[in-house]
Amino acid sequence: MNVIVRYGVYPFVLAFGIVLHNRLLENHVGIQIATYLPVIVGAVMVAGLEWTYPYRQQWWAEKQEWVQDSIFMVLIQGVFPKLVAVAVLFSLSQALHAQDLIVEGWWPTHWPIPLQMLLMMVAADGLRYWLHRWAHEWEPLWRFHVVHHSPHKLYWLNVGRFHPIDKGLQVCLDTVPFLLLGVGEDVLGLYVVCYAINGFFQHCNIDLRLGMLNYLISGPELHRWHHSMVKKESNHNYGNNFIIWDLVFGTWYWPKERDVQELGLVNRGYPSAFFEQMTTPFIPGADKQTVQP
């Protein structure tokens, strides 16, 4: 049973989310509900699997961590604000088309939706790869990205722990350019479903294996090393959904003979509360020294 869970749970949950998304659309459910209901169902499934098949029991979140990560999920990229954000993005897409601001002929709208989504994901990952890498190598960006690396454990809910400046830059690269190119709502919806469910798994505390998919997918086995406290380990595996850009640019990292040890920042006293993490990035060197809240 454990072998089935380890190797089968990722493709099963992802496929379930995609099928649910398509079935909802076939039954004329609105694009927003058809997009975010599978995301919510996927989150519930991943959370349940964490408690049943944990990678490390010491990574189970404590009450205060749940509270803080829930605030991040709600306020930065969560349930209600996310629904509003998606409505705005879809409205923007319609407005761009209406005002003829789309770059005509650049996007293969005649392709099947799954192929368009894969093209968007590969291209967006290429842009996000360099933003993510620069966020580790350039101090001004690292100050904000450090919020995402502050937890000492990984589990599905802290995938949403981002500073709004960091998150805003991400959206500018992985969404807006594709709206300008004419990517449709149906492609965006499928993209969000796959993006979100993969993100839950990427940060999950489930004892799973991706096997050879680790040369294609940016999953938990690779992403745990990206959250290592050791800089020479964490400055790898920048991929958001796919890991192919890390393979291309030489930052793919997977030492199979050992497991990742401590996660997080050198500064073990870095503030963890939401409102403190909104202001601490403006303090130079806060990730390396103890900062008084």
C-alpha atoms as a PDB file:
ATOM      1  CA  MET A   1       0.000   0.000   0.000  1.00  0.00           C
ATOM      2  CA  ASN A   2       2.806   2.425   0.900  1.00  0.00           C
ATOM      3  CA  VAL A   3       4.437   1.853  -2.496  1.00  0.00           C
ATOM      4  CA  ILE A   4       1.158   2.677  -4.251  1.00  0.00           C
ATOM      5  CA  VAL A   5       0.819   5.874  -2.222  1.00  0.00           C
ATOM      6  CA  ARG A   6       4.449   6.887  -2.707  1.00  0.00           C
ATOM      7  CA  TYR A   7       4.421   6.608  -6.472  1.00  0.00           C
ATOM      8  CA  GLY A   8       0.740   6.974  -7.312  1.00  0.00           C
ATOM      9  CA  VAL A   9      -0.657   9.776  -5.185  1.00  0.00           C
ATOM     10  CA  TYR A  10       0.826  12.694  -7.154  1.00  0.00           C
ATOM     11  CA  PRO A  11      -0.439  11.691 -10.621  1.00  0.00           C
ATOM     12  CA  PHE A  12      -3.787  10.567  -9.159  1.00  0.00           C
ATOM     13  CA  VAL A  13      -4.591  13.825  -7.351  1.00  0.00           C
ATOM     14  CA  LEU A  14      -3.386  15.961 -10.262  1.00  0.00           C
ATOM     15  CA  ALA A  15      -5.424  13.930 -12.758  1.00  0.00           C
ATOM     16  CA  PHE A  16      -8.448  14.067 -10.450  1.00  0.00           C
ATOM     17  CA  GLY A  17      -8.221  17.855 -10.326  1.00  0.00           C
ATOM     18  CA  ILE A  18      -7.954  18.138 -14.107  1.00  0.00           C
ATOM     19  CA  VAL A  19     -10.884  15.771 -14.713  1.00  0.00           C
ATOM     20  CA  LEU A  20     -13.037  17.594 -12.147  1.00  0.00           C
ATOM     21  CA  HIS A  21     -12.186  20.925 -13.788  1.00  0.00           C
ATOM     22  CA  ASN A  22     -13.178  19.630 -17.228  1.00  0.00           C
ATOM     23  CA  ARG A  23     -16.385  18.002 -15.980  1.00  0.00           C
ATOM     24  CA  LEU A  24     -17.475  21.229 -14.305  1.00  0.00           C
ATOM     25  CA  LEU A  25     -16.891  23.163 -17.515  1.00  0.00           C
ATOM     26  CA  GLU A  26     -18.779  20.542 -19.516  1.00  0.00           C
ATOM     27  CA  ASN A  27     -21.718  21.071 -17.160  1.00  0.00           C
ATOM     28  CA  HIS A  28     -21.609  24.819 -17.829  1.00  0.00           C
ATOM     29  CA  VAL A  29     -20.245  25.771 -14.403  1.00  0.00           C
ATOM     30  CA  GLY A  30     -18.572  29.201 -14.406  1.00  0.00           C
ATOM     31  CA  ILE A  31     -14.846  29.313 -15.095  1.00  0.00           C
ATOM     32  CA  GLN A  32     -13.978  30.637 -11.629  1.00  0.00           C
ATOM     33  CA  ILE A  33     -15.834  27.912  -9.729  1.00  0.00           C
ATOM     34  CA  ALA A  34     -14.624  25.279 -12.196  1.00  0.00           C
ATOM     35  CA  THR A  35     -11.068  26.438 -11.512  1.00  0.00           C
ATOM     36  CA  TYR A  36     -11.037  26.873  -7.755  1.00  0.00           C
ATOM     37  CA  LEU A  37     -13.234  23.988  -6.661  1.00  0.00           C
ATOM     38  CA  PRO A  38     -10.651  21.456  -7.964  1.00  0.00           C
ATOM     39  CA  VAL A  39      -7.910  23.487  -6.251  1.00  0.00           C
ATOM     40  CA  ILE A  40      -9.747  23.344  -2.917  1.00  0.00           C
ATOM     41  CA  VAL A  41     -10.470  19.627  -3.318  1.00  0.00           C
ATOM     42  CA  GLY A  42      -6.808  19.037  -4.176  1.00  0.00           C
ATOM     43  CA  ALA A  43      -5.701  20.926  -1.064  1.00  0.00           C
ATOM     44  CA  VAL A  44      -7.994  18.821   1.140  1.00  0.00           C
ATOM     45  CA  MET A  45      -6.657  15.606  -0.397  1.00  0.00           C
ATOM     46  CA  VAL A  46      -3.025  16.649   0.080  1.00  0.00           C
ATOM     47  CA  ALA A  47      -3.686  17.740   3.678  1.00  0.00           C
ATOM     48  CA  GLY A  48      -5.315  14.388   4.460  1.00  0.00           C
ATOM     49  CA  LEU A  49      -2.422  12.457   2.947  1.00  0.00           C
ATOM     50  CA  GLU A  50       0.054  14.442   5.065  1.00  0.00           C
ATOM     51  CA  TRP A  51      -1.558  13.161   8.252  1.00  0.00           C
ATOM     52  CA  THR A  52      -1.842   9.608   6.936  1.00  0.00           C
ATOM     53  CA  TYR A  53       1.543   9.204   5.229  1.00  0.00           C
ATOM     54  CA  PRO A  54       3.880  11.898   6.621  1.00  0.00           C
ATOM     55  CA  TYR A  55       7.416  12.324   5.343  1.00  0.00           C
ATOM     56  CA  ARG A  56       8.485  13.574   8.776  1.00  0.00           C
ATOM     57  CA  GLN A  57       6.173  13.703  11.770  1.00  0.00           C
ATOM     58  CA  GLN A  58       8.188  16.593  13.228  1.00  0.00           C
ATOM     59  CA  TRP A  59       7.077  18.631  10.226  1.00  0.00           C
ATOM     60  CA  TRP A  60       3.448  18.486  11.314  1.00  0.00           C
ATOM     61  CA  ALA A  61       2.346  22.065  11.780  1.00  0.00           C
ATOM     62  CA  GLU A  62       1.613  23.402  15.241  1.00  0.00           C
ATOM     63  CA  LYS A  63      -1.449  25.514  15.937  1.00  0.00           C
ATOM     64  CA  GLN A  64       0.352  28.865  15.654  1.00  0.00           C
ATOM     65  CA  GLU A  65       1.952  27.833  12.361  1.00  0.00           C
ATOM     66  CA  TRP A  66      -1.451  26.878  11.003  1.00  0.00           C
ATOM     67  CA  VAL A  67      -2.821  30.240  12.069  1.00  0.00           C
ATOM     68  CA  GLN A  68      -0.021  32.270  10.472  1.00  0.00           C
ATOM     69  CA  ASP A  69       0.102  30.244   7.261  1.00  0.00           C
ATOM     70  CA  SER A  70      -3.681  30.476   6.986  1.00  0.00           C
ATOM     71  CA  ILE A  71      -3.415  34.265   7.191  1.00  0.00           C
ATOM     72  CA  PHE A  72      -0.853  34.215   4.377  1.00  0.00           C
ATOM     73  CA  MET A  73      -3.017  31.915   2.299  1.00  0.00           C
ATOM     74  CA  VAL A  74      -6.090  34.094   2.756  1.00  0.00           C
ATOM     75  CA  LEU A  75      -4.517  37.548   2.426  1.00  0.00           C
ATOM     76  CA  ILE A  76      -1.776  36.911  -0.146  1.00  0.00           C
ATOM     77  CA  GLN A  77      -3.111  34.190  -2.437  1.00  0.00           C
ATOM     78  CA  GLY A  78      -5.978  32.585  -0.639  1.00  0.00           C
ATOM     79  CA  VAL A  79      -9.610  31.693  -0.860  1.00  0.00           C
ATOM     80  CA  PHE A  80     -11.602  34.939  -1.055  1.00  0.00           C
ATOM     81  CA  PRO A  81      -8.870  37.290  -2.388  1.00  0.00           C
ATOM     82  CA  LYS A  82      -7.858  34.667  -4.937  1.00  0.00           C
ATOM     83  CA  LEU A  83     -11.383  34.396  -6.271  1.00  0.00           C
ATOM     84  CA  VAL A  84     -11.485  38.174  -6.632  1.00  0.00           C
ATOM     85  CA  ALA A  85      -8.047  38.202  -8.265  1.00  0.00           C
ATOM     86  CA  VAL A  86      -9.051  35.573 -10.782  1.00  0.00           C
ATOM     87  CA  ALA A  87     -12.198  37.545 -11.604  1.00  0.00           C
ATOM     88  CA  VAL A  88     -10.022  40.606 -12.247  1.00  0.00           C
ATOM     89  CA  LEU A  89      -7.593  38.625 -14.408  1.00  0.00           C
ATOM     90  CA  PHE A  90     -10.364  37.112 -16.480  1.00  0.00           C
ATOM     91  CA  SER A  91     -11.971  40.556 -16.817  1.00  0.00           C
ATOM     92  CA  LEU A  92      -8.596  41.961 -17.881  1.00  0.00           C
ATOM     93  CA  SER A  93      -8.315  39.236 -20.489  1.00  0.00           C
ATOM     94  CA  GLN A  94     -11.732  40.158 -21.868  1.00  0.00           C
ATOM     95  CA  ALA A  95     -10.908  43.884 -21.760  1.00  0.00           C
ATOM     96  CA  LEU A  96      -7.625  43.380 -23.611  1.00  0.00           C
ATOM     97  CA  HIS A  97      -9.423  41.494 -26.335  1.00  0.00           C
ATOM     98  CA  ALA A  98     -12.168  44.126 -26.525  1.00  0.00           C
ATOM     99  CA  GLN A  99      -9.659  46.973 -26.869  1.00  0.00           C
ATOM    100  CA  ASP A 100      -7.546  45.109 -29.436  1.00  0.00           C
ATOM    101  CA  LEU A 101      -4.513  45.251 -27.159  1.00  0.00           C
ATOM    102  CA  ILE A 102      -3.651  41.627 -27.785  1.00  0.00           C
ATOM    103  CA  VAL A 103      -0.534  40.823 -29.805  1.00  0.00           C
ATOM    104  CA  GLU A 104      -2.285  39.032 -32.650  1.00  0.00           C
ATOM    105  CA  GLY A 105      -0.810  35.922 -34.189  1.00  0.00           C
ATOM    106  CA  TRP A 106       1.789  35.230 -31.507  1.00  0.00           C
ATOM    107  CA  TRP A 107      -0.202  32.734 -29.466  1.00  0.00           C
ATOM    108  CA  PRO A 108      -1.321  29.416 -31.040  1.00  0.00           C
ATOM    109  CA  THR A 109      -4.999  29.716 -30.119  1.00  0.00           C
ATOM    110  CA  HIS A 110      -5.807  26.952 -32.635  1.00  0.00           C
ATOM    111  CA  TRP A 111      -3.914  24.389 -30.541  1.00  0.00           C
ATOM    112  CA  PRO A 112      -5.836  22.101 -28.168  1.00  0.00           C
ATOM    113  CA  ILE A 113      -6.253  23.673 -24.731  1.00  0.00           C
ATOM    114  CA  PRO A 114      -3.973  21.146 -22.941  1.00  0.00           C
ATOM    115  CA  LEU A 115      -1.136  21.886 -25.385  1.00  0.00           C
ATOM    116  CA  GLN A 116      -1.628  25.636 -24.972  1.00  0.00           C
ATOM    117  CA  MET A 117      -1.516  25.199 -21.209  1.00  0.00           C
ATOM    118  CA  LEU A 118       1.707  23.184 -21.397  1.00  0.00           C
ATOM    119  CA  LEU A 119       3.287  25.814 -23.647  1.00  0.00           C
ATOM    120  CA  MET A 120       2.261  28.547 -21.229  1.00  0.00           C
ATOM    121  CA  MET A 121       3.604  26.582 -18.271  1.00  0.00           C
ATOM    122  CA  VAL A 122       6.989  25.925 -19.878  1.00  0.00           C
ATOM    123  CA  ALA A 123       7.337  29.562 -20.978  1.00  0.00           C
ATOM    124  CA  ALA A 124       6.138  30.966 -17.651  1.00  0.00           C
ATOM    125  CA  ASP A 125       8.503  28.651 -15.814  1.00  0.00           C
ATOM    126  CA  GLY A 126      11.376  30.026 -17.883  1.00  0.00           C
ATOM    127  CA  LEU A 127      10.542  33.579 -16.811  1.00  0.00           C
ATOM    128  CA  ARG A 128       9.932  32.550 -13.208  1.00  0.00           C
ATOM    129  CA  TYR A 129      13.188  30.588 -13.150  1.00  0.00           C
ATOM    130  CA  TRP A 130      15.236  33.745 -13.631  1.00  0.00           C
ATOM    131  CA  LEU A 131      13.132  35.805 -11.233  1.00  0.00           C
ATOM    132  CA  HIS A 132      13.502  33.066  -8.634  1.00  0.00           C
ATOM    133  CA  ARG A 133      17.227  32.689  -9.211  1.00  0.00           C
ATOM    134  CA  TRP A 134      17.806  36.449  -9.017  1.00  0.00           C
ATOM    135  CA  ALA A 135      15.718  36.510  -5.834  1.00  0.00           C
ATOM    136  CA  HIS A 136      18.370  34.243  -4.312  1.00  0.00           C
ATOM    137  CA  GLU A 137      21.412  35.941  -5.810  1.00  0.00           C
ATOM    138  CA  TRP A 138      20.471  39.643  -5.622  1.00  0.00           C
ATOM    139  CA  GLU A 139      20.066  41.063  -2.127  1.00  0.00           C
ATOM    140  CA  PRO A 140      17.214  43.546  -2.825  1.00  0.00           C
ATOM    141  CA  LEU A 141      15.001  40.736  -4.151  1.00  0.00           C
ATOM    142  CA  TRP A 142      16.179  38.214  -1.555  1.00  0.00           C
ATOM    143  CA  ARG A 143      14.951  40.430   1.284  1.00  0.00           C
ATOM    144  CA  PHE A 144      11.368  39.832   0.155  1.00  0.00           C
ATOM    145  CA  HIS A 145      11.770  36.244  -1.020  1.00  0.00           C
ATOM    146  CA  VAL A 146      13.263  35.354   2.353  1.00  0.00           C
ATOM    147  CA  VAL A 147       9.725  35.333   3.770  1.00  0.00           C
ATOM    148  CA  HIS A 148       9.013  32.200   1.752  1.00  0.00           C
ATOM    149  CA  HIS A 149      12.165  30.530   3.079  1.00  0.00           C
ATOM    150  CA  SER A 150      11.607  31.419   6.733  1.00  0.00           C
ATOM    151  CA  PRO A 151       9.677  28.246   7.817  1.00  0.00           C
ATOM    152  CA  HIS A 152      11.684  25.471   9.485  1.00  0.00           C
ATOM    153  CA  LYS A 153       9.427  22.779   8.038  1.00  0.00           C
ATOM    154  CA  LEU A 154       7.509  22.171   4.826  1.00  0.00           C
ATOM    155  CA  TYR A 155       3.846  21.261   4.582  1.00  0.00           C
ATOM    156  CA  TRP A 156       1.128  22.030   2.055  1.00  0.00           C
ATOM    157  CA  LEU A 157      -0.206  25.255   3.586  1.00  0.00           C
ATOM    158  CA  ASN A 158       3.044  27.217   3.699  1.00  0.00           C
ATOM    159  CA  VAL A 159       3.173  27.193  -0.092  1.00  0.00           C
ATOM    160  CA  GLY A 160       1.301  30.487   0.291  1.00  0.00           C
ATOM    161  CA  ARG A 161       3.867  32.209   2.509  1.00  0.00           C
ATOM    162  CA  PHE A 162       5.064  35.055   0.282  1.00  0.00           C
ATOM    163  CA  HIS A 163       5.621  38.750   0.736  1.00  0.00           C
ATOM    164  CA  PRO A 164       3.159  40.652  -1.502  1.00  0.00           C
ATOM    165  CA  ILE A 165       6.014  42.377  -3.364  1.00  0.00           C
ATOM    166  CA  ASP A 166       7.530  38.993  -4.188  1.00  0.00           C
ATOM    167  CA  LYS A 167       4.149  37.594  -5.194  1.00  0.00           C
ATOM    168  CA  GLY A 168       3.349  40.645  -7.300  1.00  0.00           C
ATOM    169  CA  LEU A 169       6.556  40.232  -9.306  1.00  0.00           C
ATOM    170  CA  GLN A 170       5.695  36.590  -9.917  1.00  0.00           C
ATOM    171  CA  VAL A 171       2.241  37.415 -11.273  1.00  0.00           C
ATOM    172  CA  CYS A 172       3.756  40.059 -13.555  1.00  0.00           C
ATOM    173  CA  LEU A 173       5.881  37.360 -15.180  1.00  0.00           C
ATOM    174  CA  ASP A 174       3.728  34.236 -15.186  1.00  0.00           C
ATOM    175  CA  THR A 175       0.319  35.738 -16.004  1.00  0.00           C
ATOM    176  CA  VAL A 176       0.271  39.256 -17.493  1.00  0.00           C
ATOM    177  CA  PRO A 177       2.542  38.549 -20.515  1.00  0.00           C
ATOM    178  CA  PHE A 178       0.323  35.664 -21.550  1.00  0.00           C
ATOM    179  CA  LEU A 179      -2.814  37.752 -21.281  1.00  0.00           C
ATOM    180  CA  LEU A 180      -1.193  40.251 -23.627  1.00  0.00           C
ATOM    181  CA  LEU A 181      -0.370  37.437 -26.030  1.00  0.00           C
ATOM    182  CA  GLY A 182      -4.008  36.386 -26.077  1.00  0.00           C
ATOM    183  CA  VAL A 183      -4.124  33.309 -23.852  1.00  0.00           C
ATOM    184  CA  GLY A 184      -7.772  32.472 -23.240  1.00  0.00           C
ATOM    185  CA  GLU A 185      -9.661  31.963 -19.985  1.00  0.00           C
ATOM    186  CA  ASP A 186      -9.974  28.226 -20.585  1.00  0.00           C
ATOM    187  CA  VAL A 187      -6.194  27.891 -20.810  1.00  0.00           C
ATOM    188  CA  LEU A 188      -5.691  30.078 -17.729  1.00  0.00           C
ATOM    189  CA  GLY A 189      -8.179  27.998 -15.758  1.00  0.00           C
ATOM    190  CA  LEU A 190      -6.424  24.707 -16.515  1.00  0.00           C
ATOM    191  CA  TYR A 191      -3.072  26.360 -15.789  1.00  0.00           C
ATOM    192  CA  VAL A 192      -4.231  27.507 -12.336  1.00  0.00           C
ATOM    193  CA  VAL A 193      -5.529  24.026 -11.453  1.00  0.00           C
ATOM    194  CA  CYS A 194      -2.229  22.332 -12.357  1.00  0.00           C
ATOM    195  CA  TYR A 195      -0.105  25.157 -10.907  1.00  0.00           C
ATOM    196  CA  ALA A 196      -1.901  25.115  -7.541  1.00  0.00           C
ATOM    197  CA  ILE A 197      -2.076  21.353  -7.044  1.00  0.00           C
ATOM    198  CA  ASN A 198       1.584  20.965  -7.981  1.00  0.00           C
ATOM    199  CA  GLY A 199       2.408  23.741  -5.498  1.00  0.00           C
ATOM    200  CA  PHE A 200       0.621  21.897  -2.689  1.00  0.00           C
ATOM    201  CA  PHE A 201       2.602  18.762  -3.494  1.00  0.00           C
ATOM    202  CA  GLN A 202       5.848  20.701  -3.917  1.00  0.00           C
ATOM    203  CA  HIS A 203       5.677  21.815  -0.291  1.00  0.00           C
ATOM    204  CA  CYS A 204       3.891  18.758   1.088  1.00  0.00           C
ATOM    205  CA  ASN A 205       4.918  16.604   4.024  1.00  0.00           C
ATOM    206  CA  ILE A 206       3.937  13.347   2.303  1.00  0.00           C
ATOM    207  CA  ASP A 207       6.262  10.374   1.970  1.00  0.00           C
ATOM    208  CA  LEU A 208       6.007  10.162  -1.801  1.00  0.00           C
ATOM    209  CA  ARG A 209       8.370   9.508  -4.689  1.00  0.00           C
ATOM    210  CA  LEU A 210       8.348  10.870  -8.224  1.00  0.00           C
ATOM    211  CA  GLY A 211      11.084   8.611  -9.589  1.00  0.00           C
ATOM    212  CA  MET A 212      12.130   9.641 -13.093  1.00  0.00           C
ATOM    213  CA  LEU A 213       9.602  12.495 -12.983  1.00  0.00           C
ATOM    214  CA  ASN A 214      12.206  14.335 -10.890  1.00  0.00           C
ATOM    215  CA  TYR A 215      13.887  15.063 -14.225  1.00  0.00           C
ATOM    216  CA  LEU A 216      10.715  16.769 -15.441  1.00  0.00           C
ATOM    217  CA  ILE A 217       8.626  17.956 -12.477  1.00  0.00           C
ATOM    218  CA  SER A 218       9.620  20.351  -9.700  1.00  0.00           C
ATOM    219  CA  GLY A 219       8.221  18.173  -6.925  1.00  0.00           C
ATOM    220  CA  PRO A 220       8.785  17.745  -3.180  1.00  0.00           C
ATOM    221  CA  GLU A 221      11.909  15.589  -3.377  1.00  0.00           C
ATOM    222  CA  LEU A 222      13.733  18.375  -5.215  1.00  0.00           C
ATOM    223  CA  HIS A 223      12.046  21.348  -3.573  1.00  0.00           C
ATOM    224  CA  ARG A 224      12.997  20.253  -0.045  1.00  0.00           C
ATOM    225  CA  TRP A 225      16.621  20.807  -1.014  1.00  0.00           C
ATOM    226  CA  HIS A 226      15.699  24.266  -2.252  1.00  0.00           C
ATOM    227  CA  HIS A 227      14.509  25.088   1.277  1.00  0.00           C
ATOM    228  CA  SER A 228      17.664  23.767   2.954  1.00  0.00           C
ATOM    229  CA  MET A 229      19.353  26.060   5.464  1.00  0.00           C
ATOM    230  CA  VAL A 230      22.657  25.308   3.689  1.00  0.00           C
ATOM    231  CA  LYS A 231      23.071  27.918   0.956  1.00  0.00           C
ATOM    232  CA  LYS A 232      25.018  25.698  -1.450  1.00  0.00           C
ATOM    233  CA  GLU A 233      22.063  23.296  -1.347  1.00  0.00           C
ATOM    234  CA  SER A 234      19.213  25.806  -1.398  1.00  0.00           C
ATOM    235  CA  ASN A 235      20.544  27.750  -4.398  1.00  0.00           C
ATOM    236  CA  HIS A 236      19.261  25.006  -6.675  1.00  0.00           C
ATOM    237  CA  ASN A 237      15.968  23.666  -8.040  1.00  0.00           C
ATOM    238  CA  TYR A 238      14.364  27.011  -8.854  1.00  0.00           C
ATOM    239  CA  GLY A 239      11.710  25.469 -11.099  1.00  0.00           C
ATOM    240  CA  ASN A 240       8.116  26.371 -10.346  1.00  0.00           C
ATOM    241  CA  ASN A 241       6.244  23.528 -12.055  1.00  0.00           C
ATOM    242  CA  PHE A 242       8.812  21.922 -14.326  1.00  0.00           C
ATOM    243  CA  ILE A 243      12.466  21.376 -13.454  1.00  0.00           C
ATOM    244  CA  ILE A 244      13.693  21.524 -17.059  1.00  0.00           C
ATOM    245  CA  TRP A 245      15.137  25.046 -16.804  1.00  0.00           C
ATOM    246  CA  ASP A 246      17.308  23.932 -13.875  1.00  0.00           C
ATOM    247  CA  LEU A 247      18.610  21.101 -16.038  1.00  0.00           C
ATOM    248  CA  VAL A 248      19.318  23.558 -18.867  1.00  0.00           C
ATOM    249  CA  PHE A 249      21.128  26.106 -16.672  1.00  0.00           C
ATOM    250  CA  GLY A 250      22.918  23.692 -14.339  1.00  0.00           C
ATOM    251  CA  THR A 251      21.039  24.265 -11.077  1.00  0.00           C
ATOM    252  CA  TRP A 252      19.294  20.872 -10.809  1.00  0.00           C
ATOM    253  CA  TYR A 253      20.222  19.174  -7.518  1.00  0.00           C
ATOM    254  CA  TRP A 254      19.214  15.769  -6.145  1.00  0.00           C
ATOM    255  CA  PRO A 255      21.647  13.942  -3.832  1.00  0.00           C
ATOM    256  CA  LYS A 256      19.832  10.602  -3.647  1.00  0.00           C
ATOM    257  CA  GLU A 257      22.152   9.127  -1.026  1.00  0.00           C
ATOM    258  CA  ARG A 258      20.983  11.418   1.795  1.00  0.00           C
ATOM    259  CA  ASP A 259      18.026  13.440   3.048  1.00  0.00           C
ATOM    260  CA  VAL A 260      17.779  17.165   3.582  1.00  0.00           C
ATOM    261  CA  GLN A 261      18.423  18.243   7.162  1.00  0.00           C
ATOM    262  CA  GLU A 262      17.487  21.639   8.610  1.00  0.00           C
ATOM    263  CA  LEU A 263      15.302  23.992   6.604  1.00  0.00           C
ATOM    264  CA  GLY A 264      14.889  27.750   6.712  1.00  0.00           C
ATOM    265  CA  LEU A 265      17.225  30.653   7.395  1.00  0.00           C
ATOM    266  CA  VAL A 266      20.528  31.030   9.192  1.00  0.00           C
ATOM    267  CA  ASN A 267      18.727  33.466  11.477  1.00  0.00           C
ATOM    268  CA  ARG A 268      16.580  31.048  13.498  1.00  0.00           C
ATOM    269  CA  GLY A 269      14.974  34.029  15.201  1.00  0.00           C
ATOM    270  CA  TYR A 270      13.557  35.552  12.018  1.00  0.00           C
ATOM    271  CA  PRO A 271      10.001  36.724  12.810  1.00  0.00           C
ATOM    272  CA  SER A 272       7.287  34.308  11.716  1.00  0.00           C
ATOM    273  CA  ALA A 273       4.099  36.312  12.296  1.00  0.00           C
ATOM    274  CA  PHE A 274       2.348  37.755   9.255  1.00  0.00           C
ATOM    275  CA  PHE A 275       2.527  41.465  10.051  1.00  0.00           C
ATOM    276  CA  GLU A 276       6.155  41.233  11.211  1.00  0.00           C
ATOM    277  CA  GLN A 277       7.081  39.496   7.970  1.00  0.00           C
ATOM    278  CA  MET A 278       5.531  42.356   6.032  1.00  0.00           C
ATOM    279  CA  THR A 279       8.045  44.817   7.520  1.00  0.00           C
ATOM    280  CA  THR A 280      11.170  42.772   8.341  1.00  0.00           C
ATOM    281  CA  PRO A 281      12.317  42.532   4.669  1.00  0.00           C
ATOM    282  CA  PHE A 282      13.029  46.257   4.815  1.00  0.00           C
ATOM    283  CA  ILE A 283      15.742  45.581   7.446  1.00  0.00           C
ATOM    284  CA  PRO A 284      19.082  44.805   5.711  1.00  0.00           C
ATOM    285  CA  GLY A 285      20.594  41.457   6.713  1.00  0.00           C
ATOM    286  CA  ALA A 286      17.568  40.348   8.725  1.00  0.00           C
ATOM    287  CA  ASP A 287      17.866  36.807   7.391  1.00  0.00           C
ATOM    288  CA  LYS A 288      21.372  36.441   8.832  1.00  0.00           C
ATOM    289  CA  GLN A 289      21.035  37.961  12.292  1.00  0.00           C
ATOM    290  CA  THR A 290      18.583  37.932  15.139  1.00  0.00           C
ATOM    291  CA  VAL A 291      16.060  40.705  14.674  1.00  0.00           C
ATOM    292  CA  GLN A 292      13.932  41.889  17.540  1.00  0.00           C
ATOM    293  CA  PRO A 293      10.219  41.814  16.599  1.00  0.00           C
END
